[in-house]
């Protein structure tokens, strides 16, 4: 649903044809900024980012670039250490931010934020975060690789045809369980949308991207954060910090998008 923004906030998508793929995913770089408490240093673009075929920490072989932005990239990578140990699933996802030493661009702050909030989370509807590491100018977050397809891509492929009701409700139930778990820990996801939901071939739903989540720390609640206007509540559009109730509003928007 192309929900109307209020006040001076403008929707990300302004054309008449709504496409989930036009909405930013896996990064807070393009999301509407609602608080500027954190300042970031411009990225030195003379430092090239990693490319397919590169080896990070003499361990992670970058196999496929899943997405790329000005200062960050997401790769599917082969964990050669796990492969050598005979692991049945040696694949991982690396979110990589490239920045000169001593500089903290917004994308790097977002990456560190996601690593801190995700630490210790264990739930079947959330990805397993393996940790944050660094190789020269490249700082990367390592997640377990989950085969599947973005719900945003699934909806774009279906066009105006609604999804099957049972499948839609199964996705809503899975994401609802993930949110119940996060909210119980004092964490607000703050950007629930189809682009942040991964659906497996068996229909299992996983909620991704805690890069703009708000943690239980009071100090964390004044940090910079973002949202996607099409799935944000009226309160968030008016400048309020996201709460668990706003996550549920966003999930309801996702349900509407699937069923209608």
Protein backbone atom coordinates (compact mmCIF):
# COMPACT_ATOMS: atom_id res chain seq x y z
CA UNK A 1 0.00 0.00 0.00
CA UNK A 2 1.34 3.41 -0.92
CA UNK A 3 0.41 4.93 2.44
CA UNK A 4 0.24 8.74 2.38
CA UNK A 5 3.00 10.48 4.26
CA UNK A 6 2.09 13.37 6.53
CA UNK A 7 3.67 16.77 7.06
CA UNK A 8 6.91 17.34 5.17
CA UNK A 9 7.79 13.64 4.79
CA UNK A 10 7.61 12.32 1.24
CA UNK A 11 7.10 8.69 0.16
CA UNK A 12 10.15 6.94 -1.26
CA UNK A 13 8.15 5.86 -4.32
CA UNK A 14 6.38 8.67 -6.09
CA UNK A 15 5.49 7.03 -9.41
CA UNK A 16 2.05 5.57 -10.01
CA UNK A 17 3.28 1.96 -10.30
CA UNK A 18 4.15 0.62 -6.86
CA UNK A 19 7.06 -1.79 -6.76
CA UNK A 20 8.54 -3.39 -3.66
CA UNK A 21 11.93 -3.54 -5.37
CA UNK A 22 12.04 0.28 -5.38
CA UNK A 23 12.13 0.33 -1.57
CA UNK A 24 15.52 0.21 0.18
CA UNK A 25 16.45 -3.13 1.73
CA UNK A 26 19.31 -4.48 3.83
CA UNK A 27 20.65 -0.98 4.49
CA UNK A 28 19.61 2.17 6.30
CA UNK A 29 21.47 4.39 3.82
CA UNK A 30 18.40 5.36 1.79
CA UNK A 31 15.77 5.25 4.50
CA UNK A 32 14.14 8.44 5.74
CA UNK A 33 16.19 9.85 8.58
CA UNK A 34 14.12 10.83 11.60
CA UNK A 35 16.81 11.71 14.12
CA UNK A 36 20.22 13.24 13.50
CA UNK A 37 21.82 12.61 16.89
CA UNK A 38 24.65 10.69 15.19
CA UNK A 39 26.94 12.38 12.70
CA UNK A 40 28.79 10.48 10.02
CA UNK A 41 31.94 11.13 8.04
CA UNK A 42 31.72 11.08 4.23
CA UNK A 43 33.11 7.90 2.74
CA UNK A 44 36.42 8.09 0.88
CA UNK A 45 35.36 6.63 -2.46
CA UNK A 46 39.00 6.15 -3.50
CA UNK A 47 39.01 2.96 -1.42
CA UNK A 48 37.38 0.25 -3.53
CA UNK A 49 34.90 -2.10 -1.96
CA UNK A 50 35.33 -5.88 -2.10
CA UNK A 51 34.45 -7.80 -5.25
CA UNK A 52 33.32 -11.30 -6.12
CA UNK A 53 36.31 -13.63 -5.82
CA UNK A 54 37.97 -11.69 -2.97
CA UNK A 55 38.91 -13.50 0.23
CA UNK A 56 38.20 -11.78 3.56
CA UNK A 57 40.08 -12.78 6.73
CA UNK A 58 41.69 -15.56 4.67
CA UNK A 59 38.44 -17.43 5.24
CA UNK A 60 35.39 -16.00 3.48
CA UNK A 61 35.40 -16.34 -0.33
CA UNK A 62 32.97 -13.83 -1.85
CA UNK A 63 30.87 -15.82 -4.29
CA UNK A 64 27.93 -13.59 -5.32
CA UNK A 65 27.04 -9.94 -4.80
CA UNK A 66 23.41 -9.78 -3.65
CA UNK A 67 23.18 -5.99 -3.43
CA UNK A 68 25.48 -2.99 -3.59
CA UNK A 69 25.26 0.64 -2.44
CA UNK A 70 27.59 3.61 -2.18
CA UNK A 71 29.57 2.34 0.79
CA UNK A 72 28.20 -1.12 1.50
CA UNK A 73 27.61 -4.44 -0.21
CA UNK A 74 25.94 -7.74 0.65
CA UNK A 75 27.59 -10.97 -0.53
CA UNK A 76 26.88 -14.66 -0.41
CA UNK A 77 30.19 -16.13 0.66
CA UNK A 78 31.78 -19.53 1.22
CA UNK A 79 33.18 -20.08 4.71
CA UNK A 80 36.22 -22.14 3.77
CA UNK A 81 36.95 -23.07 7.38
CA UNK A 82 33.51 -24.62 7.78
CA UNK A 83 33.82 -26.25 4.38
CA UNK A 84 37.10 -27.88 5.41
CA UNK A 85 35.42 -29.13 8.59
CA UNK A 86 32.78 -30.91 6.50
CA UNK A 87 29.90 -28.60 7.41
CA UNK A 88 26.81 -29.39 5.30
CA UNK A 89 26.04 -25.67 4.91
CA UNK A 90 29.29 -23.67 4.66
CA UNK A 91 27.55 -20.67 3.05
CA UNK A 92 27.10 -17.36 4.85
CA UNK A 93 25.92 -13.83 4.09
CA UNK A 94 28.35 -10.96 4.62
CA UNK A 95 27.20 -7.36 4.95
CA UNK A 96 30.34 -5.38 4.14
CA UNK A 97 31.02 -1.67 4.71
CA UNK A 98 34.23 -0.14 3.35
CA UNK A 99 35.65 2.94 5.08
CA UNK A 100 39.10 4.45 5.76
CA UNK A 101 40.53 3.74 9.23
CA UNK A 102 39.18 6.11 11.84
CA UNK A 103 36.12 7.14 9.81
CA UNK A 104 32.56 6.18 10.76
CA UNK A 105 30.14 6.61 7.84
CA UNK A 106 26.45 6.12 8.48
CA UNK A 107 26.48 2.66 6.91
CA UNK A 108 29.18 1.54 9.37
CA UNK A 109 27.22 2.90 12.34
CA UNK A 110 24.20 0.96 11.08
CA UNK A 111 26.26 -2.23 10.78
CA UNK A 112 27.65 -1.90 14.29
CA UNK A 113 24.16 -1.17 15.55
CA UNK A 114 22.74 -4.32 13.96
CA UNK A 115 25.58 -6.42 15.39
CA UNK A 116 25.04 -5.04 18.91
CA UNK A 117 21.25 -5.46 18.93
CA UNK A 118 21.39 -8.93 17.29
CA UNK A 119 23.93 -10.36 19.71
CA UNK A 120 22.57 -13.47 21.40
CA UNK A 121 19.26 -13.56 19.51
CA UNK A 122 18.00 -17.10 18.86
CA UNK A 123 14.65 -17.62 17.16
CA UNK A 124 13.50 -19.76 14.20
CA UNK A 125 12.05 -16.71 12.45
CA UNK A 126 15.19 -14.58 12.81
CA UNK A 127 18.59 -15.01 11.11
CA UNK A 128 21.54 -16.20 13.17
CA UNK A 129 24.16 -13.45 13.44
CA UNK A 130 27.63 -15.04 13.63
CA UNK A 131 29.50 -11.85 14.50
CA UNK A 132 31.23 -8.66 13.36
CA UNK A 133 34.75 -8.76 11.93
CA UNK A 134 37.18 -6.60 9.95
CA UNK A 135 39.68 -7.06 7.12
CA UNK A 136 41.62 -3.87 6.39
CA UNK A 137 39.11 -1.14 5.48
CA UNK A 138 36.29 -3.72 5.21
CA UNK A 139 34.06 -4.23 8.25
CA UNK A 140 31.57 -7.04 7.83
CA UNK A 141 28.68 -8.68 9.64
CA UNK A 142 28.41 -12.44 9.15
CA UNK A 143 25.00 -14.12 9.04
CA UNK A 144 23.93 -17.67 8.32
CA UNK A 145 22.88 -18.14 4.68
CA UNK A 146 19.16 -18.85 4.34
CA UNK A 147 17.91 -19.99 0.92
CA UNK A 148 14.70 -18.33 -0.13
CA UNK A 149 13.24 -15.28 -1.84
CA UNK A 150 12.35 -11.82 -0.64
CA UNK A 151 8.63 -11.35 -0.03
CA UNK A 152 8.99 -8.02 -1.84
CA UNK A 153 10.22 -9.82 -4.97
CA UNK A 154 7.44 -12.40 -4.69
CA UNK A 155 4.81 -9.65 -4.52
CA UNK A 156 6.33 -7.77 -7.47
CA UNK A 157 6.24 -10.95 -9.55
CA UNK A 158 2.57 -11.49 -8.71
CA UNK A 159 1.62 -7.97 -9.73
CA UNK A 160 -2.03 -7.27 -8.83
CA UNK A 161 -2.79 -10.92 -7.98
CA UNK A 162 -3.15 -11.49 -4.23
CA UNK A 163 -1.18 -14.28 -2.59
CA UNK A 164 -2.82 -17.51 -1.46
CA UNK A 165 -4.57 -16.86 1.85
CA UNK A 166 -3.01 -19.80 3.70
CA UNK A 167 0.50 -18.80 2.58
CA UNK A 168 -0.12 -15.19 3.56
CA UNK A 169 -1.35 -16.07 7.03
CA UNK A 170 1.58 -18.45 7.55
CA UNK A 171 3.99 -15.58 6.78
CA UNK A 172 2.13 -13.21 9.10
CA UNK A 173 2.20 -15.82 11.87
CA UNK A 174 5.95 -16.42 11.48
CA UNK A 175 6.82 -12.72 11.51
CA UNK A 176 4.42 -12.22 14.42
CA UNK A 177 6.35 -14.83 16.41
CA UNK A 178 9.63 -13.05 15.59
CA UNK A 179 8.21 -9.71 16.72
CA UNK A 180 6.81 -11.19 19.93
CA UNK A 181 10.29 -12.50 20.72
CA UNK A 182 11.98 -9.17 19.93
CA UNK A 183 9.42 -7.11 21.83
CA UNK A 184 9.85 -9.38 24.85
CA UNK A 185 13.53 -8.38 24.86
CA UNK A 186 12.71 -4.68 24.57
CA UNK A 187 13.67 -4.50 20.88
CA UNK A 188 11.58 -2.68 18.25
CA UNK A 189 12.40 -3.74 14.67
CA UNK A 190 11.23 -0.38 13.25
CA UNK A 191 11.22 -1.40 9.57
CA UNK A 192 8.89 -4.36 8.98
CA UNK A 193 8.17 -4.61 5.25
CA UNK A 194 8.17 -7.25 2.47
CA UNK A 195 11.76 -6.43 1.47
CA UNK A 196 12.90 -7.43 4.98
CA UNK A 197 11.07 -10.77 4.97
CA UNK A 198 12.66 -13.88 3.48
CA UNK A 199 10.35 -16.73 2.43
CA UNK A 200 11.74 -20.24 1.91
CA UNK A 201 10.44 -22.69 -0.68
CA UNK A 202 8.57 -24.39 2.18
CA UNK A 203 6.90 -21.08 3.09
CA UNK A 204 8.93 -20.42 6.25
CA UNK A 205 9.25 -16.67 6.94
CA UNK A 206 12.34 -14.99 8.40
CA UNK A 207 12.46 -11.34 9.52
CA UNK A 208 15.69 -9.68 8.38
CA UNK A 209 17.61 -6.43 8.91
CA UNK A 210 17.87 -5.01 12.41
CA UNK A 211 19.99 -2.12 11.17
CA UNK A 212 17.54 0.54 12.34
CA UNK A 213 16.06 -1.37 15.28
CA UNK A 214 15.69 0.28 18.68
CA UNK A 215 17.17 -1.67 21.57
CA UNK A 216 16.16 -1.79 25.23
CA UNK A 217 18.87 0.74 26.17
CA UNK A 218 17.50 4.21 26.84
CA UNK A 219 20.63 5.68 25.29
CA UNK A 220 20.02 3.71 22.13
CA UNK A 221 16.62 5.32 21.65
CA UNK A 222 18.18 8.68 20.80
CA UNK A 223 20.37 7.21 18.07
CA UNK A 224 19.69 7.89 14.41
CA UNK A 225 17.13 5.56 12.92
CA UNK A 226 15.04 5.23 9.80
CA UNK A 227 11.87 3.75 8.39
CA UNK A 228 10.07 3.07 5.11
CA UNK A 229 7.09 5.43 4.72
CA UNK A 230 4.88 2.93 2.84
CA UNK A 231 4.83 0.66 5.92
CA UNK A 232 5.20 3.20 8.74
CA UNK A 233 2.44 4.14 11.17
CA UNK A 234 0.95 7.66 11.25
CA UNK A 235 2.74 8.27 14.55
CA UNK A 236 6.14 7.41 13.08
CA UNK A 237 5.40 9.51 10.00
CA UNK A 238 4.74 12.41 12.37
CA UNK A 239 8.17 12.02 13.98
CA UNK A 240 7.57 9.69 16.94
CA UNK A 241 10.13 7.00 17.77
CA UNK A 242 8.93 3.52 16.70
CA UNK A 243 7.44 1.25 19.36
CA UNK A 244 6.28 -2.39 19.30
CA UNK A 245 2.81 -1.13 18.39
CA UNK A 246 4.27 0.48 15.26
CA UNK A 247 5.86 -2.86 14.31
CA UNK A 248 2.40 -4.44 14.46
CA UNK A 249 0.96 -1.65 12.32
CA UNK A 250 3.67 -2.36 9.72
CA UNK A 251 2.93 -6.10 9.84
CA UNK A 252 -0.74 -5.31 9.22
CA UNK A 253 0.33 -3.29 6.14
CA UNK A 254 2.33 -6.31 4.93
CA UNK A 255 -0.75 -8.53 5.42
CA UNK A 256 -2.88 -6.06 3.44
CA UNK A 257 -0.29 -6.01 0.66
CA UNK A 258 -0.29 -9.81 0.41
CA UNK A 259 -4.05 -10.33 0.59
CA UNK A 260 -5.20 -7.43 -1.59
